[in-house]
Amino acid sequence: MSLDRSPDPLHDPSAPVPAAYAAAPEQLLLDSARLLAGQREVCIRHGNELYRLRHTRNDKLILTK
């Protein structure tokens, strides 16, 4: 049984992004590791509202108001 050792674009920012996930030319693609800047949680202001983006122990992102 062989394991697929191809680069994982979801965990390796230098890995190529598959076409299904590639941003359209007018979209900005942000890596979550860069967005979180080493933190497990960041606050995002959108207009007059604050949102919390958390990186969970299960390697998921949760955005809450």
Protein backbone atom coordinates (compact mmCIF):
# COMPACT_ATOMS: atom_id res chain seq x y z
CA MET A 1 0.00 0.00 0.00
CA SER A 2 1.55 3.31 -1.02
CA LEU A 3 0.76 6.63 0.58
CA ASP A 4 0.19 9.71 -1.52
CA ARG A 5 3.01 12.10 -0.57
CA SER A 6 1.98 14.89 -2.94
CA PRO A 7 2.06 18.43 -1.49
CA ASP A 8 -1.07 19.39 0.43
CA PRO A 9 -2.20 22.93 -0.55
CA LEU A 10 -4.42 23.12 2.53
CA HIS A 11 -1.47 22.73 4.93
CA ASP A 12 1.56 23.70 2.84
CA PRO A 13 1.43 27.29 1.51
CA SER A 14 4.14 26.49 -1.06
CA ALA A 15 2.10 23.61 -2.55
CA PRO A 16 0.35 24.23 -5.86
CA VAL A 17 -3.37 24.97 -5.52
CA PRO A 18 -5.66 22.55 -7.39
CA ALA A 19 -7.81 24.12 -10.10
CA ALA A 20 -10.97 23.46 -8.06
CA TYR A 21 -9.62 25.69 -5.26
CA ALA A 22 -7.81 28.25 -7.37
CA ALA A 23 -9.05 31.81 -6.93
CA ALA A 24 -10.55 33.57 -9.90
CA PRO A 25 -8.34 36.41 -11.19
CA GLU A 26 -10.41 38.99 -9.31
CA GLN A 27 -10.26 37.08 -5.99
CA LEU A 28 -7.60 37.31 -3.29
CA LEU A 29 -6.33 33.96 -1.95
CA LEU A 30 -5.23 34.15 1.70
CA ASP A 31 -3.44 31.35 3.50
CA SER A 32 -5.02 30.72 6.92
CA ALA A 33 -1.60 30.41 8.60
CA ARG A 34 -0.69 33.87 7.38
CA LEU A 35 -4.07 35.28 8.34
CA LEU A 36 -3.86 33.83 11.87
CA ALA A 37 -0.19 34.89 12.21
CA GLY A 38 0.67 32.09 14.63
CA GLN A 39 -2.40 32.66 16.81
CA ARG A 40 -5.24 30.21 17.43
CA GLU A 41 -7.80 33.02 17.26
CA VAL A 42 -8.13 36.45 15.64
CA CYS A 43 -10.84 39.10 15.59
CA ILE A 44 -12.04 40.49 12.28
CA ARG A 45 -13.90 43.79 12.04
CA HIS A 46 -16.48 43.94 9.24
CA GLY A 47 -18.24 47.28 9.21
CA ASN A 48 -19.51 47.85 12.73
CA GLU A 49 -19.44 44.14 13.62
CA LEU A 50 -16.69 42.01 15.17
CA TYR A 51 -16.21 38.38 14.21
CA ARG A 52 -13.94 35.77 15.78
CA LEU A 53 -12.00 33.34 13.59
CA ARG A 54 -10.74 30.31 15.53
CA HIS A 55 -8.43 27.48 14.49
CA THR A 56 -9.59 24.39 16.37
CA ARG A 57 -7.62 21.41 17.66
CA ASN A 58 -9.27 19.39 14.88
CA ASP A 59 -7.66 21.69 12.28
CA LYS A 60 -10.95 23.39 11.37
CA LEU A 61 -11.73 27.09 11.08
CA ILE A 62 -14.78 28.50 12.84
CA LEU A 63 -16.06 32.01 12.21
CA THR A 64 -18.50 33.36 14.81
CA LYS A 65 -20.16 36.71 15.38
